N, C-alpha and C. Protein backbone atom coordinates (compact mmCIF):
# COMPACT_ATOMS: atom_id res chain seq x y z
N MET A 1 -14.96 21.44 30.49
CA MET A 1 -14.82 20.99 31.88
C MET A 1 -16.11 21.23 32.64
N LYS A 2 -16.46 20.28 33.51
CA LYS A 2 -17.68 20.37 34.30
C LYS A 2 -17.33 20.65 35.77
N VAL A 3 -17.88 21.74 36.30
CA VAL A 3 -17.69 22.11 37.69
C VAL A 3 -19.03 21.98 38.41
N SER A 4 -19.07 21.14 39.43
CA SER A 4 -20.28 21.00 40.26
C SER A 4 -20.06 21.77 41.55
N ILE A 5 -21.09 22.51 41.99
CA ILE A 5 -20.96 23.42 43.12
C ILE A 5 -22.01 23.06 44.16
N LEU A 6 -21.57 22.74 45.37
CA LEU A 6 -22.49 22.35 46.43
C LEU A 6 -23.24 23.55 46.98
N GLN A 7 -24.49 23.31 47.35
CA GLN A 7 -25.35 24.35 47.92
C GLN A 7 -26.04 23.80 49.18
N PHE A 8 -25.74 24.42 50.31
CA PHE A 8 -26.38 24.10 51.57
C PHE A 8 -27.35 25.22 51.94
N PRO A 9 -28.26 25.01 52.87
CA PRO A 9 -29.02 26.14 53.40
C PRO A 9 -28.05 27.15 54.00
N GLY A 10 -28.06 28.37 53.52
CA GLY A 10 -27.14 29.39 54.02
C GLY A 10 -25.96 29.67 53.12
N THR A 11 -25.72 28.81 52.13
CA THR A 11 -24.66 29.09 51.16
C THR A 11 -25.01 30.39 50.43
N ASN A 12 -24.02 31.27 50.25
CA ASN A 12 -24.33 32.52 49.55
C ASN A 12 -23.32 32.89 48.47
N CYS A 13 -22.39 31.98 48.17
CA CYS A 13 -21.38 32.27 47.16
C CYS A 13 -21.45 31.32 45.97
N GLU A 14 -22.50 30.48 45.93
CA GLU A 14 -22.56 29.49 44.85
C GLU A 14 -22.70 30.14 43.48
N TYR A 15 -23.45 31.24 43.40
CA TYR A 15 -23.65 31.86 42.09
C TYR A 15 -22.46 32.71 41.68
N ASP A 16 -21.75 33.29 42.65
CA ASP A 16 -20.48 33.95 42.34
C ASP A 16 -19.50 32.94 41.77
N THR A 17 -19.45 31.77 42.41
CA THR A 17 -18.55 30.71 41.97
C THR A 17 -18.94 30.21 40.59
N GLN A 18 -20.22 30.03 40.38
CA GLN A 18 -20.72 29.60 39.08
C GLN A 18 -20.33 30.61 38.00
N HIS A 19 -20.55 31.88 38.27
CA HIS A 19 -20.22 32.94 37.31
C HIS A 19 -18.73 32.93 36.99
N ALA A 20 -17.88 32.77 38.01
CA ALA A 20 -16.43 32.79 37.80
C ALA A 20 -15.99 31.66 36.88
N PHE A 21 -16.46 30.45 37.14
CA PHE A 21 -16.02 29.32 36.32
C PHE A 21 -16.62 29.36 34.92
N GLU A 22 -17.85 29.84 34.80
CA GLU A 22 -18.43 29.95 33.46
C GLU A 22 -17.71 31.01 32.63
N ASP A 23 -17.26 32.07 33.27
CA ASP A 23 -16.45 33.08 32.58
C ASP A 23 -15.15 32.50 32.05
N LEU A 24 -14.66 31.46 32.73
CA LEU A 24 -13.42 30.80 32.30
C LEU A 24 -13.69 29.69 31.29
N GLY A 25 -14.95 29.47 30.93
CA GLY A 25 -15.29 28.51 29.89
C GLY A 25 -15.80 27.17 30.37
N ALA A 26 -15.97 27.01 31.67
CA ALA A 26 -16.46 25.74 32.20
C ALA A 26 -17.99 25.68 32.15
N THR A 27 -18.53 24.47 32.13
CA THR A 27 -19.95 24.28 32.37
C THR A 27 -20.12 23.99 33.85
N THR A 28 -21.27 24.40 34.43
CA THR A 28 -21.45 24.26 35.87
C THR A 28 -22.81 23.67 36.21
N GLU A 29 -22.91 23.17 37.42
CA GLU A 29 -24.18 22.68 37.94
C GLU A 29 -24.21 22.87 39.44
N ILE A 30 -25.30 23.43 39.94
CA ILE A 30 -25.49 23.58 41.39
C ILE A 30 -26.09 22.27 41.93
N VAL A 31 -25.49 21.75 42.99
CA VAL A 31 -25.92 20.48 43.57
C VAL A 31 -26.46 20.73 44.98
N TRP A 32 -27.74 20.45 45.21
CA TRP A 32 -28.39 20.66 46.49
C TRP A 32 -27.88 19.66 47.52
N HIS A 33 -27.77 20.08 48.76
CA HIS A 33 -27.13 19.29 49.81
C HIS A 33 -27.84 17.97 50.11
N LYS A 34 -29.11 17.85 49.73
CA LYS A 34 -29.83 16.59 50.00
C LYS A 34 -29.60 15.54 48.93
N SER A 35 -28.89 15.91 47.88
CA SER A 35 -28.56 14.92 46.85
C SER A 35 -27.64 13.86 47.43
N LYS A 36 -27.87 12.62 47.03
CA LYS A 36 -27.01 11.54 47.53
C LYS A 36 -25.91 11.18 46.54
N SER A 37 -25.79 11.98 45.50
CA SER A 37 -24.74 11.75 44.51
C SER A 37 -24.35 13.09 43.91
N ILE A 38 -23.23 13.11 43.23
CA ILE A 38 -22.83 14.28 42.47
C ILE A 38 -22.81 13.88 41.00
N PRO A 39 -22.95 14.82 40.08
CA PRO A 39 -23.00 14.47 38.65
C PRO A 39 -21.79 13.63 38.24
N SER A 40 -22.07 12.60 37.46
CA SER A 40 -21.01 11.65 37.08
C SER A 40 -19.94 12.26 36.19
N ASP A 41 -20.27 13.38 35.53
CA ASP A 41 -19.29 14.01 34.64
C ASP A 41 -18.54 15.15 35.32
N THR A 42 -18.57 15.19 36.64
CA THR A 42 -17.90 16.25 37.40
C THR A 42 -16.38 16.14 37.29
N ASP A 43 -15.74 17.24 36.89
CA ASP A 43 -14.27 17.32 36.86
C ASP A 43 -13.71 18.02 38.08
N LEU A 44 -14.50 18.91 38.65
CA LEU A 44 -14.12 19.63 39.86
C LEU A 44 -15.37 19.85 40.70
N LEU A 45 -15.28 19.54 41.98
CA LEU A 45 -16.37 19.77 42.91
C LEU A 45 -15.98 20.92 43.83
N VAL A 46 -16.82 21.95 43.89
CA VAL A 46 -16.54 23.11 44.72
C VAL A 46 -17.53 23.18 45.87
N VAL A 47 -17.00 23.30 47.08
CA VAL A 47 -17.82 23.56 48.26
C VAL A 47 -17.74 25.07 48.47
N ALA A 48 -18.80 25.77 48.11
CA ALA A 48 -18.78 27.23 48.05
C ALA A 48 -18.87 27.87 49.44
N GLY A 49 -18.61 29.17 49.47
CA GLY A 49 -18.63 29.92 50.71
C GLY A 49 -20.03 30.33 51.14
N GLY A 50 -20.12 30.85 52.34
CA GLY A 50 -21.39 31.31 52.88
C GLY A 50 -21.50 30.98 54.35
N PHE A 51 -22.69 30.68 54.78
CA PHE A 51 -22.95 30.39 56.19
C PHE A 51 -23.84 29.15 56.26
N SER A 52 -23.29 28.00 55.91
CA SER A 52 -24.10 26.78 55.87
C SER A 52 -24.78 26.56 57.21
N TYR A 53 -26.10 26.35 57.14
CA TYR A 53 -26.92 26.16 58.34
C TYR A 53 -26.77 27.32 59.33
N GLY A 54 -26.45 28.50 58.80
CA GLY A 54 -26.35 29.69 59.64
C GLY A 54 -25.18 29.69 60.61
N ASP A 55 -24.25 28.74 60.47
CA ASP A 55 -23.14 28.60 61.43
C ASP A 55 -23.66 28.47 62.86
N TYR A 56 -24.87 27.90 63.01
CA TYR A 56 -25.51 27.90 64.32
C TYR A 56 -24.80 27.01 65.35
N LEU A 57 -24.17 25.94 64.90
CA LEU A 57 -23.42 25.10 65.84
C LEU A 57 -21.96 25.50 65.82
N ARG A 58 -21.33 25.34 64.70
CA ARG A 58 -19.92 25.69 64.45
C ARG A 58 -19.77 25.68 62.95
N SER A 59 -19.01 26.59 62.43
CA SER A 59 -18.93 26.75 60.97
C SER A 59 -18.61 25.42 60.28
N GLY A 60 -19.52 24.96 59.44
CA GLY A 60 -19.32 23.74 58.67
C GLY A 60 -19.68 22.47 59.40
N ALA A 61 -19.96 22.56 60.71
CA ALA A 61 -20.15 21.35 61.51
C ALA A 61 -21.44 20.62 61.18
N ILE A 62 -22.50 21.34 60.84
CA ILE A 62 -23.77 20.69 60.49
C ILE A 62 -23.73 20.24 59.03
N ALA A 63 -23.21 21.09 58.15
CA ALA A 63 -23.13 20.74 56.73
C ALA A 63 -22.34 19.45 56.52
N ARG A 64 -21.39 19.22 57.37
CA ARG A 64 -20.56 18.02 57.25
C ARG A 64 -21.41 16.74 57.25
N PHE A 65 -22.62 16.81 57.86
CA PHE A 65 -23.48 15.64 57.96
C PHE A 65 -24.60 15.63 56.92
N SER A 66 -24.60 16.56 55.99
CA SER A 66 -25.60 16.56 54.92
C SER A 66 -25.45 15.31 54.06
N PRO A 67 -26.55 14.82 53.48
CA PRO A 67 -26.49 13.60 52.67
C PRO A 67 -25.44 13.62 51.58
N VAL A 68 -25.23 14.77 50.93
CA VAL A 68 -24.30 14.82 49.81
C VAL A 68 -22.86 14.56 50.23
N MET A 69 -22.54 14.75 51.50
CA MET A 69 -21.14 14.65 51.91
C MET A 69 -20.57 13.25 51.79
N LYS A 70 -21.41 12.23 51.87
CA LYS A 70 -20.90 10.87 51.65
C LYS A 70 -20.40 10.72 50.22
N ALA A 71 -21.13 11.34 49.28
CA ALA A 71 -20.70 11.31 47.88
C ALA A 71 -19.44 12.14 47.69
N VAL A 72 -19.33 13.24 48.41
CA VAL A 72 -18.13 14.07 48.33
C VAL A 72 -16.91 13.29 48.81
N GLU A 73 -17.06 12.61 49.93
CA GLU A 73 -15.96 11.82 50.48
C GLU A 73 -15.55 10.70 49.52
N ALA A 74 -16.52 10.05 48.90
CA ALA A 74 -16.21 8.99 47.94
C ALA A 74 -15.51 9.56 46.72
N TYR A 75 -16.00 10.70 46.25
CA TYR A 75 -15.40 11.36 45.08
C TYR A 75 -13.94 11.72 45.36
N ALA A 76 -13.69 12.29 46.53
CA ALA A 76 -12.33 12.69 46.89
C ALA A 76 -11.42 11.47 47.05
N SER A 77 -11.93 10.42 47.67
CA SER A 77 -11.11 9.23 47.90
C SER A 77 -10.74 8.53 46.60
N ASN A 78 -11.53 8.77 45.55
CA ASN A 78 -11.23 8.21 44.23
C ASN A 78 -10.37 9.14 43.38
N GLY A 79 -9.86 10.19 43.99
CA GLY A 79 -8.95 11.09 43.29
C GLY A 79 -9.60 12.30 42.66
N GLY A 80 -10.92 12.47 42.86
CA GLY A 80 -11.60 13.63 42.30
C GLY A 80 -11.11 14.92 42.93
N LYS A 81 -11.08 15.98 42.18
CA LYS A 81 -10.59 17.27 42.68
C LYS A 81 -11.72 18.01 43.40
N VAL A 82 -11.40 18.50 44.59
CA VAL A 82 -12.36 19.21 45.43
C VAL A 82 -11.73 20.52 45.89
N LEU A 83 -12.50 21.60 45.80
CA LEU A 83 -12.05 22.91 46.27
C LEU A 83 -13.06 23.46 47.26
N GLY A 84 -12.60 23.79 48.46
CA GLY A 84 -13.45 24.41 49.47
C GLY A 84 -13.03 25.85 49.69
N ILE A 85 -13.98 26.77 49.52
CA ILE A 85 -13.70 28.19 49.66
C ILE A 85 -14.41 28.73 50.90
N CYS A 86 -13.67 29.32 51.83
CA CYS A 86 -14.21 29.95 53.03
C CYS A 86 -15.04 28.94 53.82
N ASN A 87 -16.37 29.07 53.86
CA ASN A 87 -17.18 28.10 54.58
C ASN A 87 -16.97 26.69 54.02
N GLY A 88 -16.68 26.59 52.73
CA GLY A 88 -16.37 25.30 52.13
C GLY A 88 -15.11 24.69 52.72
N PHE A 89 -14.12 25.52 53.01
CA PHE A 89 -12.90 25.08 53.68
C PHE A 89 -13.25 24.54 55.06
N GLN A 90 -14.10 25.27 55.78
CA GLN A 90 -14.53 24.84 57.10
C GLN A 90 -15.24 23.48 57.04
N VAL A 91 -16.10 23.31 56.04
CA VAL A 91 -16.82 22.04 55.87
C VAL A 91 -15.84 20.90 55.64
N LEU A 92 -14.84 21.13 54.80
CA LEU A 92 -13.87 20.07 54.48
C LEU A 92 -13.01 19.69 55.68
N THR A 93 -12.68 20.65 56.54
CA THR A 93 -11.93 20.30 57.75
C THR A 93 -12.82 19.54 58.71
N GLU A 94 -14.07 19.95 58.84
CA GLU A 94 -15.01 19.25 59.72
C GLU A 94 -15.22 17.80 59.26
N ALA A 95 -15.18 17.61 57.94
CA ALA A 95 -15.39 16.26 57.38
C ALA A 95 -14.13 15.42 57.41
N GLY A 96 -13.02 16.00 57.81
CA GLY A 96 -11.76 15.25 57.86
C GLY A 96 -11.09 15.10 56.52
N LEU A 97 -11.58 15.83 55.51
CA LEU A 97 -10.96 15.76 54.18
C LEU A 97 -9.74 16.66 54.07
N LEU A 98 -9.61 17.60 54.99
CA LEU A 98 -8.43 18.45 55.09
C LEU A 98 -8.00 18.52 56.55
N PRO A 99 -6.70 18.64 56.80
CA PRO A 99 -6.22 18.70 58.18
C PRO A 99 -6.49 20.06 58.81
N GLY A 100 -6.51 20.09 60.14
CA GLY A 100 -6.66 21.33 60.87
C GLY A 100 -8.10 21.68 61.16
N ALA A 101 -8.30 22.87 61.70
CA ALA A 101 -9.63 23.35 62.06
C ALA A 101 -9.65 24.87 61.94
N LEU A 102 -10.84 25.42 61.83
CA LEU A 102 -11.01 26.88 61.75
C LEU A 102 -11.71 27.37 63.00
N LYS A 103 -11.07 28.34 63.67
CA LYS A 103 -11.61 28.91 64.90
C LYS A 103 -12.06 30.36 64.67
N ARG A 104 -12.67 30.96 65.70
CA ARG A 104 -13.05 32.36 65.67
C ARG A 104 -11.81 33.23 65.45
N ASN A 105 -11.94 34.26 64.65
CA ASN A 105 -10.84 35.19 64.42
C ASN A 105 -10.29 35.69 65.75
N GLU A 106 -8.99 35.91 65.80
CA GLU A 106 -8.33 36.35 67.02
C GLU A 106 -8.94 37.65 67.56
N SER A 107 -9.35 38.53 66.64
CA SER A 107 -9.92 39.81 67.03
C SER A 107 -11.38 39.69 67.49
N LEU A 108 -11.99 38.54 67.23
CA LEU A 108 -13.40 38.28 67.49
C LEU A 108 -14.32 39.10 66.59
N HIS A 109 -13.77 39.71 65.56
CA HIS A 109 -14.57 40.51 64.63
C HIS A 109 -14.65 39.82 63.26
N PHE A 110 -15.75 40.05 62.56
CA PHE A 110 -15.87 39.62 61.17
C PHE A 110 -14.96 40.49 60.32
N LEU A 111 -14.22 39.88 59.41
CA LEU A 111 -13.29 40.59 58.54
C LEU A 111 -13.80 40.54 57.11
N SER A 112 -13.86 41.67 56.46
CA SER A 112 -14.28 41.73 55.06
C SER A 112 -13.46 42.80 54.35
N LYS A 113 -12.46 42.36 53.58
CA LYS A 113 -11.57 43.28 52.88
C LYS A 113 -10.69 42.50 51.93
N HIS A 114 -9.99 43.20 51.05
CA HIS A 114 -8.95 42.55 50.26
C HIS A 114 -7.73 42.31 51.16
N HIS A 115 -7.04 41.21 50.90
CA HIS A 115 -5.83 40.91 51.67
C HIS A 115 -4.85 40.19 50.77
N HIS A 116 -3.57 40.48 50.93
CA HIS A 116 -2.55 39.84 50.11
C HIS A 116 -2.22 38.44 50.63
N LEU A 117 -1.87 37.58 49.70
CA LEU A 117 -1.48 36.21 49.99
C LEU A 117 -0.19 35.90 49.24
N LYS A 118 0.68 35.11 49.85
CA LYS A 118 1.88 34.64 49.16
C LYS A 118 1.70 33.17 48.80
N VAL A 119 2.07 32.82 47.57
CA VAL A 119 2.05 31.42 47.13
C VAL A 119 3.24 30.70 47.76
N ILE A 120 2.96 29.66 48.54
CA ILE A 120 4.01 28.90 49.22
C ILE A 120 4.40 27.65 48.44
N ASN A 121 3.41 26.97 47.91
CA ASN A 121 3.67 25.76 47.11
C ASN A 121 2.75 25.73 45.90
N ASN A 122 3.35 25.68 44.72
CA ASN A 122 2.56 25.66 43.48
C ASN A 122 2.62 24.31 42.78
N ASP A 123 3.09 23.27 43.49
CA ASP A 123 3.20 21.94 42.88
C ASP A 123 1.86 21.22 42.97
N ASN A 124 0.82 21.87 42.44
CA ASN A 124 -0.53 21.32 42.49
C ASN A 124 -1.36 22.03 41.42
N VAL A 125 -2.48 21.42 41.04
CA VAL A 125 -3.28 21.99 39.94
C VAL A 125 -3.88 23.34 40.31
N PHE A 126 -4.15 23.55 41.58
CA PHE A 126 -4.79 24.79 42.01
C PHE A 126 -3.92 26.02 41.72
N LEU A 127 -2.63 25.90 42.00
CA LEU A 127 -1.76 27.08 41.90
C LEU A 127 -0.68 26.96 40.84
N GLU A 128 -0.82 26.00 39.95
CA GLU A 128 0.25 25.77 38.97
C GLU A 128 0.43 26.93 37.99
N LYS A 129 -0.57 27.80 37.86
CA LYS A 129 -0.46 28.96 36.97
C LYS A 129 0.30 30.11 37.63
N LEU A 130 0.60 29.95 38.89
CA LEU A 130 1.35 30.94 39.65
C LEU A 130 2.71 30.37 40.02
N SER A 131 3.60 31.23 40.48
CA SER A 131 4.94 30.80 40.90
C SER A 131 5.07 30.93 42.41
N ASN A 132 5.92 30.11 42.99
CA ASN A 132 6.17 30.25 44.42
C ASN A 132 6.67 31.66 44.71
N ASN A 133 6.17 32.21 45.81
CA ASN A 133 6.49 33.57 46.27
C ASN A 133 5.74 34.67 45.53
N ASP A 134 4.91 34.30 44.55
CA ASP A 134 4.01 35.30 43.96
C ASP A 134 3.09 35.83 45.06
N VAL A 135 2.75 37.11 44.97
CA VAL A 135 1.81 37.72 45.92
C VAL A 135 0.55 38.12 45.16
N VAL A 136 -0.60 37.68 45.64
CA VAL A 136 -1.88 37.98 45.00
C VAL A 136 -2.77 38.73 45.99
N ASN A 137 -3.73 39.45 45.46
CA ASN A 137 -4.64 40.25 46.27
C ASN A 137 -6.05 39.68 46.15
N ILE A 138 -6.53 39.04 47.21
CA ILE A 138 -7.77 38.28 47.18
C ILE A 138 -8.66 38.69 48.36
N PRO A 139 -9.96 38.89 48.15
CA PRO A 139 -10.83 39.27 49.27
C PRO A 139 -10.95 38.18 50.33
N ILE A 140 -11.07 38.62 51.58
CA ILE A 140 -11.43 37.72 52.67
C ILE A 140 -12.75 38.21 53.26
N ALA A 141 -13.54 37.28 53.78
CA ALA A 141 -14.82 37.62 54.41
C ALA A 141 -15.19 36.49 55.36
N HIS A 142 -14.73 36.59 56.60
CA HIS A 142 -14.97 35.49 57.53
C HIS A 142 -14.92 35.96 58.99
N HIS A 143 -15.60 35.18 59.80
CA HIS A 143 -15.60 35.39 61.26
C HIS A 143 -14.81 34.28 61.95
N ASP A 144 -14.75 33.13 61.28
CA ASP A 144 -14.08 31.95 61.84
C ASP A 144 -13.01 31.46 60.87
N GLY A 145 -12.02 32.31 60.62
CA GLY A 145 -10.98 31.98 59.65
C GLY A 145 -9.62 31.71 60.26
N ASN A 146 -9.59 31.59 61.56
CA ASN A 146 -8.35 31.39 62.31
C ASN A 146 -7.95 29.92 62.22
N TYR A 147 -7.05 29.62 61.29
CA TYR A 147 -6.66 28.22 61.03
C TYR A 147 -5.79 27.70 62.16
N PHE A 148 -6.15 26.54 62.69
CA PHE A 148 -5.39 25.94 63.78
C PHE A 148 -4.98 24.51 63.42
N ILE A 149 -3.75 24.19 63.77
CA ILE A 149 -3.25 22.83 63.70
C ILE A 149 -2.13 22.72 64.73
N ASP A 150 -1.98 21.55 65.35
CA ASP A 150 -0.95 21.42 66.39
C ASP A 150 0.44 21.33 65.77
N ALA A 151 1.46 21.34 66.61
CA ALA A 151 2.84 21.41 66.14
C ALA A 151 3.21 20.23 65.25
N ASP A 152 2.76 19.03 65.63
CA ASP A 152 3.07 17.85 64.81
C ASP A 152 2.37 17.95 63.46
N GLY A 153 1.12 18.41 63.47
CA GLY A 153 0.39 18.56 62.22
C GLY A 153 1.03 19.60 61.32
N LEU A 154 1.49 20.70 61.91
CA LEU A 154 2.14 21.75 61.13
C LEU A 154 3.42 21.22 60.49
N LYS A 155 4.18 20.45 61.24
CA LYS A 155 5.41 19.87 60.69
C LYS A 155 5.10 18.96 59.51
N GLU A 156 4.02 18.19 59.63
CA GLU A 156 3.63 17.29 58.55
C GLU A 156 3.20 18.07 57.31
N LEU A 157 2.45 19.17 57.51
CA LEU A 157 2.07 20.02 56.39
C LEU A 157 3.30 20.54 55.66
N GLU A 158 4.27 20.98 56.42
CA GLU A 158 5.49 21.54 55.83
C GLU A 158 6.27 20.47 55.06
N GLU A 159 6.38 19.29 55.64
CA GLU A 159 7.15 18.21 55.01
C GLU A 159 6.50 17.73 53.71
N ASN A 160 5.18 17.79 53.63
CA ASN A 160 4.46 17.30 52.45
C ASN A 160 4.06 18.41 51.47
N ASN A 161 4.58 19.61 51.69
CA ASN A 161 4.23 20.76 50.83
C ASN A 161 2.73 20.97 50.73
N GLN A 162 2.06 20.85 51.88
CA GLN A 162 0.61 21.01 51.90
C GLN A 162 0.16 22.43 52.22
N ILE A 163 1.08 23.27 52.66
CA ILE A 163 0.74 24.67 52.90
C ILE A 163 0.80 25.39 51.56
N LEU A 164 -0.33 25.93 51.13
CA LEU A 164 -0.44 26.53 49.80
C LEU A 164 -0.26 28.04 49.82
N LEU A 165 -0.89 28.68 50.78
CA LEU A 165 -0.95 30.15 50.80
C LEU A 165 -0.78 30.65 52.23
N LYS A 166 -0.12 31.82 52.35
CA LYS A 166 -0.03 32.49 53.64
C LYS A 166 -0.46 33.95 53.49
N TYR A 167 -1.02 34.49 54.56
CA TYR A 167 -1.41 35.90 54.59
C TYR A 167 -0.16 36.77 54.71
N THR A 168 -0.06 37.77 53.85
CA THR A 168 1.09 38.67 53.87
C THR A 168 0.65 40.09 53.55
N ASP A 169 1.64 40.99 53.51
CA ASP A 169 1.37 42.32 52.96
C ASP A 169 1.72 42.32 51.48
N ALA A 170 1.65 43.46 50.83
CA ALA A 170 1.89 43.54 49.39
C ALA A 170 3.31 43.15 49.00
N ASN A 171 4.23 43.20 49.97
CA ASN A 171 5.63 42.85 49.70
C ASN A 171 5.95 41.40 50.03
N GLY A 172 4.94 40.65 50.45
CA GLY A 172 5.16 39.25 50.77
C GLY A 172 5.65 39.00 52.18
N GLU A 173 5.61 40.04 53.03
CA GLU A 173 5.99 39.87 54.43
C GLU A 173 4.75 39.48 55.23
N ILE A 174 4.92 38.58 56.18
CA ILE A 174 3.80 38.05 56.95
C ILE A 174 2.97 39.18 57.57
N LEU A 175 1.67 39.10 57.31
CA LEU A 175 0.69 40.01 57.90
C LEU A 175 -0.56 39.19 58.16
N ASN A 176 -0.74 38.80 59.41
CA ASN A 176 -1.75 37.82 59.78
C ASN A 176 -3.02 38.52 60.25
N PRO A 177 -4.13 38.42 59.50
CA PRO A 177 -5.34 39.16 59.87
C PRO A 177 -6.22 38.49 60.92
N ASN A 178 -6.04 37.18 61.13
CA ASN A 178 -7.03 36.46 61.94
C ASN A 178 -6.45 35.55 63.02
N GLY A 179 -5.11 35.49 63.12
CA GLY A 179 -4.48 34.65 64.13
C GLY A 179 -4.13 33.25 63.68
N SER A 180 -4.30 32.94 62.39
CA SER A 180 -4.02 31.60 61.89
C SER A 180 -2.59 31.15 62.22
N VAL A 181 -2.45 29.89 62.60
CA VAL A 181 -1.14 29.31 62.85
C VAL A 181 -0.24 29.52 61.62
N ASP A 182 0.93 30.07 61.85
CA ASP A 182 1.92 30.28 60.79
C ASP A 182 1.36 31.14 59.64
N SER A 183 0.32 31.91 59.93
CA SER A 183 -0.32 32.80 58.94
C SER A 183 -0.88 32.03 57.73
N ILE A 184 -1.30 30.78 57.96
CA ILE A 184 -1.78 29.92 56.88
C ILE A 184 -3.16 30.36 56.39
N ALA A 185 -3.27 30.51 55.06
CA ALA A 185 -4.54 30.90 54.43
C ALA A 185 -5.16 29.78 53.62
N GLY A 186 -4.36 28.76 53.25
CA GLY A 186 -4.88 27.66 52.44
C GLY A 186 -3.99 26.45 52.50
N VAL A 187 -4.59 25.27 52.46
CA VAL A 187 -3.85 24.01 52.52
C VAL A 187 -4.46 23.01 51.54
N CYS A 188 -3.78 21.89 51.36
CA CYS A 188 -4.32 20.77 50.58
C CYS A 188 -4.09 19.48 51.35
N ASN A 189 -4.67 18.39 50.87
CA ASN A 189 -4.41 17.09 51.47
C ASN A 189 -3.10 16.52 50.94
N LYS A 190 -2.67 15.40 51.49
CA LYS A 190 -1.39 14.81 51.07
C LYS A 190 -1.41 14.42 49.60
N GLU A 191 -2.56 13.96 49.12
CA GLU A 191 -2.67 13.51 47.72
C GLU A 191 -2.79 14.67 46.74
N LYS A 192 -2.97 15.87 47.25
CA LYS A 192 -3.06 17.09 46.45
C LYS A 192 -4.22 17.07 45.44
N ASN A 193 -5.35 16.54 45.91
CA ASN A 193 -6.57 16.64 45.10
C ASN A 193 -7.71 17.33 45.84
N VAL A 194 -7.50 17.64 47.15
CA VAL A 194 -8.49 18.37 47.93
C VAL A 194 -7.82 19.64 48.44
N PHE A 195 -8.45 20.78 48.17
CA PHE A 195 -7.86 22.08 48.47
C PHE A 195 -8.84 22.93 49.27
N GLY A 196 -8.31 23.73 50.17
CA GLY A 196 -9.16 24.64 50.92
C GLY A 196 -8.45 25.94 51.21
N LEU A 197 -9.19 27.03 51.16
CA LEU A 197 -8.64 28.34 51.51
C LEU A 197 -9.75 29.22 52.05
N MET A 198 -9.41 30.14 52.94
CA MET A 198 -10.40 31.07 53.47
C MET A 198 -10.69 32.21 52.51
N PRO A 199 -9.71 32.80 51.83
CA PRO A 199 -10.00 33.89 50.89
C PRO A 199 -10.87 33.43 49.71
N HIS A 200 -11.45 34.40 48.99
CA HIS A 200 -12.43 34.14 47.95
C HIS A 200 -11.87 34.46 46.55
N PRO A 201 -11.23 33.52 45.87
CA PRO A 201 -10.73 33.80 44.51
C PRO A 201 -11.84 34.11 43.52
N GLU A 202 -13.05 33.58 43.76
CA GLU A 202 -14.17 33.82 42.84
C GLU A 202 -14.63 35.28 42.88
N ARG A 203 -14.18 36.01 43.89
CA ARG A 203 -14.51 37.44 43.99
C ARG A 203 -13.38 38.32 43.46
N ALA A 204 -12.37 37.70 42.89
CA ALA A 204 -11.23 38.45 42.36
C ALA A 204 -11.00 38.04 40.91
N MET A 205 -12.05 38.20 40.10
CA MET A 205 -12.00 37.77 38.71
C MET A 205 -11.99 38.94 37.72
N GLU A 206 -12.21 40.16 38.22
CA GLU A 206 -12.29 41.33 37.35
C GLU A 206 -11.64 42.52 38.02
N LEU A 207 -10.84 43.28 37.27
CA LEU A 207 -10.20 44.46 37.82
C LEU A 207 -11.22 45.48 38.31
N LEU A 208 -12.39 45.49 37.68
CA LEU A 208 -13.46 46.40 38.07
C LEU A 208 -13.84 46.21 39.54
N LEU A 209 -13.66 44.97 40.05
CA LEU A 209 -14.02 44.66 41.42
C LEU A 209 -12.83 44.73 42.37
N GLY A 210 -11.68 45.22 41.85
CA GLY A 210 -10.52 45.42 42.71
C GLY A 210 -9.34 44.52 42.44
N SER A 211 -9.56 43.38 41.80
CA SER A 211 -8.46 42.45 41.51
C SER A 211 -8.93 41.35 40.57
N ASP A 212 -8.04 40.92 39.69
CA ASP A 212 -8.34 39.73 38.88
C ASP A 212 -7.33 38.62 39.17
N ASP A 213 -6.74 38.67 40.36
CA ASP A 213 -5.74 37.67 40.74
C ASP A 213 -6.33 36.29 40.95
N GLY A 214 -7.65 36.20 41.08
CA GLY A 214 -8.28 34.90 41.25
C GLY A 214 -8.34 34.09 39.97
N VAL A 215 -8.16 34.76 38.82
CA VAL A 215 -8.27 34.09 37.53
C VAL A 215 -7.25 32.96 37.41
N LYS A 216 -5.97 33.25 37.68
CA LYS A 216 -4.94 32.23 37.55
C LYS A 216 -5.13 31.10 38.56
N MET A 217 -5.70 31.43 39.70
CA MET A 217 -5.90 30.39 40.71
C MET A 217 -6.90 29.36 40.21
N LEU A 218 -8.01 29.82 39.65
CA LEU A 218 -9.05 28.90 39.19
C LEU A 218 -8.73 28.27 37.85
N GLN A 219 -7.93 28.95 37.03
CA GLN A 219 -7.58 28.40 35.71
C GLN A 219 -6.82 27.08 35.82
N GLY A 220 -6.07 26.91 36.90
CA GLY A 220 -5.31 25.68 37.05
C GLY A 220 -6.18 24.45 36.97
N PHE A 221 -7.38 24.53 37.52
CA PHE A 221 -8.29 23.40 37.50
C PHE A 221 -8.79 23.10 36.09
N LEU A 222 -8.97 24.13 35.30
CA LEU A 222 -9.55 23.97 33.97
C LEU A 222 -8.59 23.29 33.00
N GLU A 223 -7.30 23.43 33.26
CA GLU A 223 -6.32 22.88 32.34
C GLU A 223 -5.60 21.68 32.93
N ALA A 224 -6.14 21.17 34.04
CA ALA A 224 -5.51 20.01 34.68
C ALA A 224 -5.74 18.75 33.84
């Protein structure tokens, strides 16, 4: 399987992401943001985490206009699988490839810690290795992770099983670290080929680092 990973000025998780997928047996390629195409043999395109363009305007707002994003939009519209992690999630919402928006954390503080998530919908390649109501422990590291969507949008997400993950405690009870609507940590598009989440599964690949719960999350893409 070939995983292509986008790199913008300020991206800082591309090599973590590369390491995670290569450990799972995938081949990878880093794609610079000025590229006007993505590799033709791409099976999964990852928009990695970090601080694209320093978050100087709004998280993901400048990256959304990078040359490569036209190719990303075309790839997604043709059914290609896309995963946005943290800043990558922000980029995908700014580009309109995922519903909702990411705002400043309710506390106004940067959050960096492990946090539990509950699997809400596993009827997709991203979470098919997990079961609904499974609780995983995945690091978060964000300042603008407060997911917002209006009431009509939230209803649509629920009706289409687009809510993938929610922030909880270890027992699966809601524990919202950043103020996200309905404690949402990750969503997908209606077609279930574009995925986004604020937590970092690529940082939860080894017990030595505190958790290997990210392994099953990323494995779904490899066996799709």
